[in-house]
Amino acid sequence: LELKQEGVDPYLAEFLPYLNKDKNKVLEMAKSDQMVELTNCVKNYHKTLLKKEPLWLLFETKMGLIRQDKAVLSQFLELLMIYYLDLLKTKNKEIIAFEVFSEDYETIANSLAMEDILKHLKQIQTILYRLNYNINIEMALTQLVLNLES
């Protein structure tokens, strides 16, 4: 809430505290083009799920930043974990993290079985874990997209 009051974009204000707990760092991050781009990646992912469009197309066309930088990919995956946890919480009528998506969550959550959401969470977690090691970003993304599409 404080971040929005300081004029930070509502999406950044909701996402960034999950990537860093230090408020000053978060304010710095909010000014970074990279973080704006990362936020766009999450927003585009959301729109793609909402419209039931193919994820591979999204990753081919609008995810350039996360393909080049392991740190950014890692941040994207962390946000994606929270996103899928929100879908789970929506199904369970619990409080969600990303209010900016609240209006659409129900639509998306209803289109996914509970098992699928749990499976996607596990797959994202696995790739996040593997990023700590010397993993090929391109292969990791391909694997992720194939898993999330199924």
N, C-alpha and C. Protein backbone atom coordinates (compact mmCIF):
# COMPACT_ATOMS: atom_id res chain seq x y z
N LEU A 1 0.83 -1.20 0.00
CA LEU A 1 0.00 0.00 0.00
C LEU A 1 0.87 1.26 0.00
N GLU A 2 1.91 1.24 0.85
CA GLU A 2 2.81 2.39 0.92
C GLU A 2 3.44 2.71 -0.43
N LEU A 3 3.84 1.66 -1.14
CA LEU A 3 4.51 1.84 -2.43
C LEU A 3 3.60 2.55 -3.42
N LYS A 4 2.32 2.14 -3.45
CA LYS A 4 1.36 2.78 -4.36
C LYS A 4 1.22 4.25 -4.01
N GLN A 5 1.23 4.56 -2.72
CA GLN A 5 1.12 5.95 -2.28
C GLN A 5 2.33 6.77 -2.71
N GLU A 6 3.45 6.09 -2.88
CA GLU A 6 4.67 6.79 -3.32
C GLU A 6 4.74 6.85 -4.84
N GLY A 7 3.65 6.50 -5.50
CA GLY A 7 3.58 6.64 -6.95
C GLY A 7 4.16 5.48 -7.75
N VAL A 8 4.41 4.36 -7.08
CA VAL A 8 4.94 3.19 -7.78
C VAL A 8 3.78 2.51 -8.52
N ASP A 9 4.05 2.08 -9.75
CA ASP A 9 3.07 1.35 -10.55
C ASP A 9 2.42 0.25 -9.70
N PRO A 10 1.08 0.11 -9.77
CA PRO A 10 0.39 -0.87 -8.92
C PRO A 10 0.92 -2.31 -9.06
N TYR A 11 1.29 -2.69 -10.27
CA TYR A 11 1.83 -4.05 -10.46
C TYR A 11 3.18 -4.19 -9.77
N LEU A 12 4.05 -3.22 -10.02
CA LEU A 12 5.38 -3.25 -9.37
C LEU A 12 5.21 -3.23 -7.85
N ALA A 13 4.26 -2.42 -7.38
CA ALA A 13 4.04 -2.28 -5.93
C ALA A 13 3.62 -3.61 -5.31
N GLU A 14 2.95 -4.45 -6.09
CA GLU A 14 2.54 -5.75 -5.55
C GLU A 14 3.61 -6.82 -5.74
N PHE A 15 4.34 -6.77 -6.84
CA PHE A 15 5.32 -7.82 -7.15
C PHE A 15 6.64 -7.66 -6.39
N LEU A 16 7.18 -6.46 -6.40
CA LEU A 16 8.54 -6.25 -5.89
C LEU A 16 8.78 -6.65 -4.43
N PRO A 17 7.84 -6.40 -3.52
CA PRO A 17 8.09 -6.82 -2.13
C PRO A 17 8.32 -8.33 -2.00
N TYR A 18 7.88 -9.11 -2.98
CA TYR A 18 8.12 -10.55 -2.93
C TYR A 18 9.54 -10.89 -3.40
N LEU A 19 10.18 -9.94 -4.08
CA LEU A 19 11.54 -10.17 -4.57
C LEU A 19 12.59 -9.58 -3.64
N ASN A 20 12.16 -8.62 -2.82
CA ASN A 20 13.10 -8.00 -1.88
C ASN A 20 12.32 -7.40 -0.72
N LYS A 21 12.79 -7.64 0.48
CA LYS A 21 12.07 -7.15 1.67
C LYS A 21 12.48 -5.72 2.06
N ASP A 22 13.61 -5.25 1.54
CA ASP A 22 14.12 -3.93 1.88
C ASP A 22 13.37 -2.85 1.08
N LYS A 23 12.64 -1.99 1.80
CA LYS A 23 11.79 -1.00 1.13
C LYS A 23 12.58 -0.06 0.22
N ASN A 24 13.76 0.37 0.66
CA ASN A 24 14.58 1.27 -0.17
C ASN A 24 15.03 0.58 -1.45
N LYS A 25 15.42 -0.69 -1.31
CA LYS A 25 15.81 -1.48 -2.49
C LYS A 25 14.64 -1.61 -3.45
N VAL A 26 13.46 -1.87 -2.89
CA VAL A 26 12.26 -2.04 -3.70
C VAL A 26 11.96 -0.74 -4.46
N LEU A 27 12.11 0.39 -3.80
CA LEU A 27 11.88 1.68 -4.47
C LEU A 27 12.88 1.89 -5.61
N GLU A 28 14.12 1.46 -5.37
CA GLU A 28 15.15 1.51 -6.42
C GLU A 28 14.77 0.60 -7.58
N MET A 29 14.37 -0.62 -7.24
CA MET A 29 13.99 -1.61 -8.25
C MET A 29 12.83 -1.10 -9.11
N ALA A 30 11.90 -0.39 -8.48
CA ALA A 30 10.71 0.11 -9.18
C ALA A 30 11.07 1.07 -10.31
N LYS A 31 12.26 1.67 -10.20
CA LYS A 31 12.69 2.62 -11.25
C LYS A 31 13.44 1.92 -12.38
N SER A 32 13.72 0.64 -12.20
CA SER A 32 14.54 -0.07 -13.18
C SER A 32 13.71 -0.56 -14.37
N ASP A 33 14.23 -0.34 -15.56
CA ASP A 33 13.57 -0.80 -16.79
C ASP A 33 13.41 -2.31 -16.76
N GLN A 34 14.41 -2.97 -16.19
CA GLN A 34 14.39 -4.43 -16.11
C GLN A 34 13.18 -4.93 -15.32
N MET A 35 12.88 -4.24 -14.22
CA MET A 35 11.75 -4.64 -13.38
C MET A 35 10.41 -4.34 -14.08
N VAL A 36 10.38 -3.25 -14.81
CA VAL A 36 9.18 -2.92 -15.59
C VAL A 36 8.95 -4.02 -16.62
N GLU A 37 10.03 -4.42 -17.26
CA GLU A 37 9.98 -5.48 -18.27
C GLU A 37 9.55 -6.82 -17.64
N LEU A 38 10.10 -7.12 -16.48
CA LEU A 38 9.75 -8.34 -15.75
C LEU A 38 8.25 -8.33 -15.41
N THR A 39 7.77 -7.18 -14.95
CA THR A 39 6.35 -7.02 -14.63
C THR A 39 5.50 -7.26 -15.87
N ASN A 40 5.95 -6.74 -17.01
CA ASN A 40 5.23 -6.96 -18.27
C ASN A 40 5.17 -8.44 -18.62
N CYS A 41 6.26 -9.16 -18.32
CA CYS A 41 6.28 -10.61 -18.58
C CYS A 41 5.18 -11.30 -17.78
N VAL A 42 5.05 -10.93 -16.52
CA VAL A 42 4.03 -11.55 -15.66
C VAL A 42 2.63 -11.15 -16.16
N LYS A 43 2.45 -9.88 -16.52
CA LYS A 43 1.14 -9.42 -17.02
C LYS A 43 0.79 -10.14 -18.32
N ASN A 44 1.77 -10.31 -19.20
CA ASN A 44 1.52 -11.01 -20.47
C ASN A 44 1.20 -12.48 -20.23
N TYR A 45 1.87 -13.08 -19.27
CA TYR A 45 1.58 -14.48 -18.92
C TYR A 45 0.12 -14.60 -18.49
N HIS A 46 -0.28 -13.67 -17.63
CA HIS A 46 -1.65 -13.66 -17.12
C HIS A 46 -2.65 -13.51 -18.27
N LYS A 47 -2.40 -12.57 -19.17
CA LYS A 47 -3.30 -12.34 -20.31
C LYS A 47 -3.38 -13.58 -21.20
N THR A 48 -2.26 -14.24 -21.38
CA THR A 48 -2.20 -15.44 -22.22
C THR A 48 -3.07 -16.55 -21.62
N LEU A 49 -2.96 -16.75 -20.31
CA LEU A 49 -3.79 -17.76 -19.65
C LEU A 49 -5.27 -17.39 -19.75
N LEU A 50 -5.55 -16.11 -19.55
CA LEU A 50 -6.92 -15.64 -19.57
C LEU A 50 -7.56 -15.86 -20.94
N LYS A 51 -6.79 -15.59 -21.98
CA LYS A 51 -7.32 -15.74 -23.35
C LYS A 51 -7.17 -17.16 -23.88
N LYS A 52 -6.57 -18.04 -23.03
CA LYS A 52 -6.32 -19.44 -23.44
C LYS A 52 -5.50 -19.53 -24.72
N GLU A 53 -4.51 -18.64 -24.84
CA GLU A 53 -3.62 -18.66 -26.00
C GLU A 53 -2.43 -19.55 -25.67
N PRO A 54 -1.69 -20.00 -26.72
CA PRO A 54 -0.55 -20.89 -26.45
C PRO A 54 0.59 -20.16 -25.73
N LEU A 55 1.08 -20.77 -24.67
CA LEU A 55 2.18 -20.17 -23.90
C LEU A 55 3.47 -20.12 -24.70
N TRP A 56 3.71 -21.11 -25.54
CA TRP A 56 4.98 -21.12 -26.29
C TRP A 56 5.11 -19.87 -27.14
N LEU A 57 3.98 -19.41 -27.69
CA LEU A 57 3.99 -18.21 -28.53
C LEU A 57 4.40 -16.99 -27.69
N LEU A 58 3.85 -16.92 -26.50
CA LEU A 58 4.19 -15.84 -25.57
C LEU A 58 5.69 -15.85 -25.28
N PHE A 59 6.22 -17.03 -24.96
CA PHE A 59 7.64 -17.13 -24.61
C PHE A 59 8.54 -16.82 -25.81
N GLU A 60 8.06 -17.13 -27.01
CA GLU A 60 8.83 -16.85 -28.22
C GLU A 60 8.85 -15.35 -28.53
N THR A 61 7.73 -14.67 -28.27
CA THR A 61 7.59 -13.30 -28.76
C THR A 61 7.79 -12.21 -27.71
N LYS A 62 7.39 -12.47 -26.46
CA LYS A 62 7.37 -11.37 -25.49
C LYS A 62 8.21 -11.59 -24.25
N MET A 63 9.05 -12.61 -24.26
CA MET A 63 9.80 -12.93 -23.04
C MET A 63 11.30 -12.83 -23.24
N GLY A 64 11.72 -11.92 -24.09
CA GLY A 64 13.14 -11.78 -24.40
C GLY A 64 14.03 -11.62 -23.19
N LEU A 65 13.60 -10.76 -22.27
CA LEU A 65 14.42 -10.45 -21.10
C LEU A 65 14.73 -11.68 -20.26
N ILE A 66 13.72 -12.49 -20.01
CA ILE A 66 13.97 -13.64 -19.13
C ILE A 66 14.77 -14.74 -19.83
N ARG A 67 14.85 -14.65 -21.15
CA ARG A 67 15.64 -15.65 -21.90
C ARG A 67 17.13 -15.33 -21.80
N GLN A 68 17.48 -14.09 -21.51
CA GLN A 68 18.88 -13.68 -21.54
C GLN A 68 19.55 -13.65 -20.18
N ASP A 69 18.75 -13.57 -19.13
CA ASP A 69 19.32 -13.31 -17.82
C ASP A 69 18.78 -14.29 -16.78
N LYS A 70 19.67 -15.10 -16.25
CA LYS A 70 19.26 -16.13 -15.29
C LYS A 70 18.63 -15.51 -14.03
N ALA A 71 19.17 -14.38 -13.59
CA ALA A 71 18.64 -13.73 -12.38
C ALA A 71 17.21 -13.26 -12.61
N VAL A 72 16.95 -12.71 -13.78
CA VAL A 72 15.60 -12.22 -14.10
C VAL A 72 14.65 -13.40 -14.28
N LEU A 73 15.14 -14.47 -14.90
CA LEU A 73 14.32 -15.67 -15.05
C LEU A 73 13.93 -16.19 -13.67
N SER A 74 14.88 -16.19 -12.78
CA SER A 74 14.63 -16.65 -11.42
C SER A 74 13.55 -15.79 -10.75
N GLN A 75 13.64 -14.47 -10.92
CA GLN A 75 12.64 -13.57 -10.34
C GLN A 75 11.27 -13.82 -10.98
N PHE A 76 11.26 -14.05 -12.29
CA PHE A 76 10.01 -14.33 -12.99
C PHE A 76 9.37 -15.60 -12.42
N LEU A 77 10.18 -16.62 -12.22
CA LEU A 77 9.67 -17.89 -11.69
C LEU A 77 9.16 -17.74 -10.26
N GLU A 78 9.84 -16.91 -9.47
CA GLU A 78 9.36 -16.66 -8.10
C GLU A 78 7.99 -16.01 -8.13
N LEU A 79 7.82 -15.04 -9.03
CA LEU A 79 6.51 -14.38 -9.15
C LEU A 79 5.46 -15.35 -9.69
N LEU A 80 5.89 -16.22 -10.59
CA LEU A 80 4.98 -17.21 -11.16
C LEU A 80 4.51 -18.20 -10.09
N MET A 81 5.40 -18.52 -9.16
CA MET A 81 5.03 -19.39 -8.03
C MET A 81 3.90 -18.73 -7.24
N ILE A 82 4.08 -17.46 -6.93
CA ILE A 82 3.07 -16.73 -6.16
C ILE A 82 1.76 -16.66 -6.95
N TYR A 83 1.90 -16.49 -8.26
CA TYR A 83 0.74 -16.43 -9.15
C TYR A 83 -0.08 -17.73 -9.06
N TYR A 84 0.61 -18.87 -9.18
CA TYR A 84 -0.08 -20.15 -9.11
C TYR A 84 -0.60 -20.45 -7.70
N LEU A 85 0.13 -19.97 -6.68
CA LEU A 85 -0.37 -20.11 -5.31
C LEU A 85 -1.67 -19.31 -5.17
N ASP A 86 -1.72 -18.15 -5.81
CA ASP A 86 -2.94 -17.34 -5.80
C ASP A 86 -4.10 -18.08 -6.46
N LEU A 87 -3.82 -18.79 -7.54
CA LEU A 87 -4.88 -19.56 -8.21
C LEU A 87 -5.41 -20.64 -7.26
N LEU A 88 -4.48 -21.25 -6.53
CA LEU A 88 -4.85 -22.25 -5.54
C LEU A 88 -5.72 -21.62 -4.45
N LYS A 89 -5.26 -20.46 -3.97
CA LYS A 89 -6.01 -19.75 -2.92
C LYS A 89 -7.39 -19.32 -3.42
N THR A 90 -7.47 -18.96 -4.69
CA THR A 90 -8.76 -18.57 -5.26
C THR A 90 -9.72 -19.75 -5.21
N LYS A 91 -9.22 -20.93 -5.55
CA LYS A 91 -10.05 -22.14 -5.49
C LYS A 91 -10.50 -22.42 -4.06
N ASN A 92 -9.63 -22.13 -3.10
CA ASN A 92 -9.93 -22.41 -1.69
C ASN A 92 -10.58 -21.22 -0.98
N LYS A 93 -10.89 -20.18 -1.75
CA LYS A 93 -11.51 -18.96 -1.19
C LYS A 93 -10.65 -18.34 -0.08
N GLU A 94 -9.33 -18.31 -0.32
CA GLU A 94 -8.41 -17.72 0.66
C GLU A 94 -7.91 -16.38 0.12
N ILE A 95 -7.23 -15.64 0.97
CA ILE A 95 -6.72 -14.32 0.59
C ILE A 95 -5.53 -14.47 -0.36
N ILE A 96 -5.57 -13.71 -1.46
CA ILE A 96 -4.52 -13.81 -2.49
C ILE A 96 -3.45 -12.74 -2.30
N ALA A 97 -2.33 -12.93 -2.97
CA ALA A 97 -1.21 -11.98 -2.87
C ALA A 97 -1.34 -10.86 -3.90
N PHE A 98 -1.62 -11.23 -5.15
CA PHE A 98 -1.64 -10.24 -6.23
C PHE A 98 -3.05 -9.75 -6.50
N GLU A 99 -3.44 -8.70 -5.78
CA GLU A 99 -4.77 -8.11 -5.94
C GLU A 99 -5.02 -7.62 -7.38
N VAL A 100 -3.96 -7.22 -8.07
CA VAL A 100 -4.11 -6.67 -9.42
C VAL A 100 -4.76 -7.67 -10.38
N PHE A 101 -4.67 -8.95 -10.06
CA PHE A 101 -5.26 -9.97 -10.93
C PHE A 101 -6.57 -10.54 -10.38
N SER A 102 -7.01 -10.03 -9.23
CA SER A 102 -8.12 -10.65 -8.52
C SER A 102 -9.37 -10.86 -9.37
N GLU A 103 -9.68 -9.93 -10.25
CA GLU A 103 -10.90 -10.03 -11.05
C GLU A 103 -10.86 -11.22 -12.01
N ASP A 104 -9.68 -11.56 -12.47
CA ASP A 104 -9.56 -12.64 -13.47
C ASP A 104 -9.20 -13.99 -12.88
N TYR A 105 -8.70 -14.00 -11.65
CA TYR A 105 -8.23 -15.25 -11.07
C TYR A 105 -9.28 -16.35 -11.11
N GLU A 106 -10.52 -16.00 -10.79
CA GLU A 106 -11.57 -17.01 -10.74
C GLU A 106 -11.73 -17.71 -12.09
N THR A 107 -11.75 -16.92 -13.15
CA THR A 107 -11.88 -17.48 -14.51
C THR A 107 -10.77 -18.48 -14.79
N ILE A 108 -9.54 -18.08 -14.48
CA ILE A 108 -8.39 -18.95 -14.75
C ILE A 108 -8.41 -20.17 -13.82
N ALA A 109 -8.69 -19.93 -12.55
CA ALA A 109 -8.71 -21.02 -11.57
C ALA A 109 -9.76 -22.06 -11.94
N ASN A 110 -10.89 -21.59 -12.44
CA ASN A 110 -11.96 -22.53 -12.83
C ASN A 110 -11.59 -23.35 -14.05
N SER A 111 -10.67 -22.84 -14.86
CA SER A 111 -10.29 -23.57 -16.07
C SER A 111 -9.18 -24.59 -15.79
N LEU A 112 -8.65 -24.58 -14.57
CA LEU A 112 -7.58 -25.51 -14.20
C LEU A 112 -8.03 -26.40 -13.05
N ALA A 113 -7.68 -27.67 -13.13
CA ALA A 113 -7.96 -28.58 -12.02
C ALA A 113 -6.95 -28.32 -10.91
N MET A 114 -7.35 -28.58 -9.68
CA MET A 114 -6.47 -28.41 -8.52
C MET A 114 -5.15 -29.15 -8.74
N GLU A 115 -5.23 -30.38 -9.27
CA GLU A 115 -4.01 -31.19 -9.49
C GLU A 115 -3.08 -30.50 -10.47
N ASP A 116 -3.65 -29.85 -11.49
CA ASP A 116 -2.83 -29.15 -12.49
C ASP A 116 -2.09 -27.99 -11.86
N ILE A 117 -2.78 -27.23 -11.04
CA ILE A 117 -2.15 -26.09 -10.38
C ILE A 117 -1.00 -26.59 -9.51
N LEU A 118 -1.25 -27.65 -8.75
CA LEU A 118 -0.21 -28.21 -7.88
C LEU A 118 0.96 -28.74 -8.70
N LYS A 119 0.65 -29.36 -9.84
CA LYS A 119 1.69 -29.90 -10.72
C LYS A 119 2.55 -28.75 -11.28
N HIS A 120 1.88 -27.66 -11.70
CA HIS A 120 2.60 -26.50 -12.24
C HIS A 120 3.50 -25.88 -11.16
N LEU A 121 3.00 -25.79 -9.95
CA LEU A 121 3.81 -25.24 -8.85
C LEU A 121 5.07 -26.07 -8.67
N LYS A 122 4.92 -27.38 -8.70
CA LYS A 122 6.06 -28.28 -8.51
C LYS A 122 7.07 -28.12 -9.65
N GLN A 123 6.56 -27.97 -10.89
CA GLN A 123 7.43 -27.81 -12.04
C GLN A 123 8.21 -26.49 -11.99
N ILE A 124 7.54 -25.44 -11.59
CA ILE A 124 8.20 -24.14 -11.47
C ILE A 124 9.28 -24.22 -10.39
N GLN A 125 8.93 -24.84 -9.29
CA GLN A 125 9.87 -25.01 -8.18
C GLN A 125 11.11 -25.79 -8.62
N THR A 126 10.91 -26.84 -9.38
CA THR A 126 12.01 -27.67 -9.87
C THR A 126 12.96 -26.85 -10.74
N ILE A 127 12.40 -26.05 -11.64
CA ILE A 127 13.25 -25.25 -12.53
C ILE A 127 13.96 -24.16 -11.73
N LEU A 128 13.27 -23.56 -10.78
CA LEU A 128 13.90 -22.56 -9.90
C LEU A 128 15.10 -23.18 -9.19
N TYR A 129 14.92 -24.39 -8.70
CA TYR A 129 15.99 -25.10 -8.00
C TYR A 129 17.15 -25.36 -8.95
N ARG A 130 16.84 -25.80 -10.16
CA ARG A 130 17.89 -26.12 -11.13
C ARG A 130 18.66 -24.89 -11.59
N LEU A 131 18.04 -23.73 -11.51
CA LEU A 131 18.72 -22.49 -11.93
C LEU A 131 19.94 -22.21 -11.07
N ASN A 132 19.94 -22.74 -9.86
CA ASN A 132 21.10 -22.56 -8.97
C ASN A 132 22.32 -23.28 -9.51
N TYR A 133 22.09 -24.22 -10.40
CA TYR A 133 23.19 -24.97 -10.99
C TYR A 133 23.37 -24.49 -12.42
N ASN A 134 24.30 -25.06 -13.10
CA ASN A 134 24.58 -24.58 -14.44
C ASN A 134 23.58 -25.16 -15.44
N ILE A 135 22.45 -24.53 -15.54
CA ILE A 135 21.39 -25.04 -16.40
C ILE A 135 21.24 -24.13 -17.62
N ASN A 136 20.94 -24.70 -18.74
CA ASN A 136 20.73 -23.94 -19.96
C ASN A 136 19.35 -23.27 -19.88
N ILE A 137 19.35 -21.94 -19.92
CA ILE A 137 18.11 -21.17 -19.78
C ILE A 137 17.09 -21.58 -20.85
N GLU A 138 17.54 -21.68 -22.07
CA GLU A 138 16.66 -22.02 -23.20
C GLU A 138 15.98 -23.37 -22.96
N MET A 139 16.76 -24.35 -22.52
CA MET A 139 16.20 -25.67 -22.25
C MET A 139 15.23 -25.63 -21.07
N ALA A 140 15.59 -24.88 -20.05
CA ALA A 140 14.74 -24.76 -18.87
C ALA A 140 13.38 -24.14 -19.25
N LEU A 141 13.42 -23.10 -20.07
CA LEU A 141 12.18 -22.44 -20.50
C LEU A 141 11.34 -23.36 -21.37
N THR A 142 11.99 -24.06 -22.27
CA THR A 142 11.27 -25.00 -23.14
C THR A 142 10.56 -26.04 -22.29
N GLN A 143 11.30 -26.59 -21.32
CA GLN A 143 10.74 -27.60 -20.41
C GLN A 143 9.54 -27.01 -19.65
N LEU A 144 9.71 -25.79 -19.14
CA LEU A 144 8.65 -25.14 -18.38
C LEU A 144 7.39 -24.96 -19.24
N VAL A 145 7.57 -24.43 -20.42
CA VAL A 145 6.43 -24.17 -21.31
C VAL A 145 5.72 -25.49 -21.64
N LEU A 146 6.49 -26.51 -21.96
CA LEU A 146 5.88 -27.81 -22.26
C LEU A 146 5.07 -28.32 -21.06
N ASN A 147 5.63 -28.15 -19.88
CA ASN A 147 4.93 -28.60 -18.67
C ASN A 147 3.68 -27.78 -18.39
N LEU A 148 3.77 -26.47 -18.55
CA LEU A 148 2.63 -25.61 -18.25
C LEU A 148 1.52 -25.73 -19.29
N GLU A 149 1.89 -26.10 -20.51
CA GLU A 149 0.89 -26.26 -21.57
C GLU A 149 0.06 -27.53 -21.37
N SER A 150 0.69 -28.54 -20.72
CA SER A 150 0.00 -29.84 -20.61
C SER A 150 -1.09 -29.80 -19.55
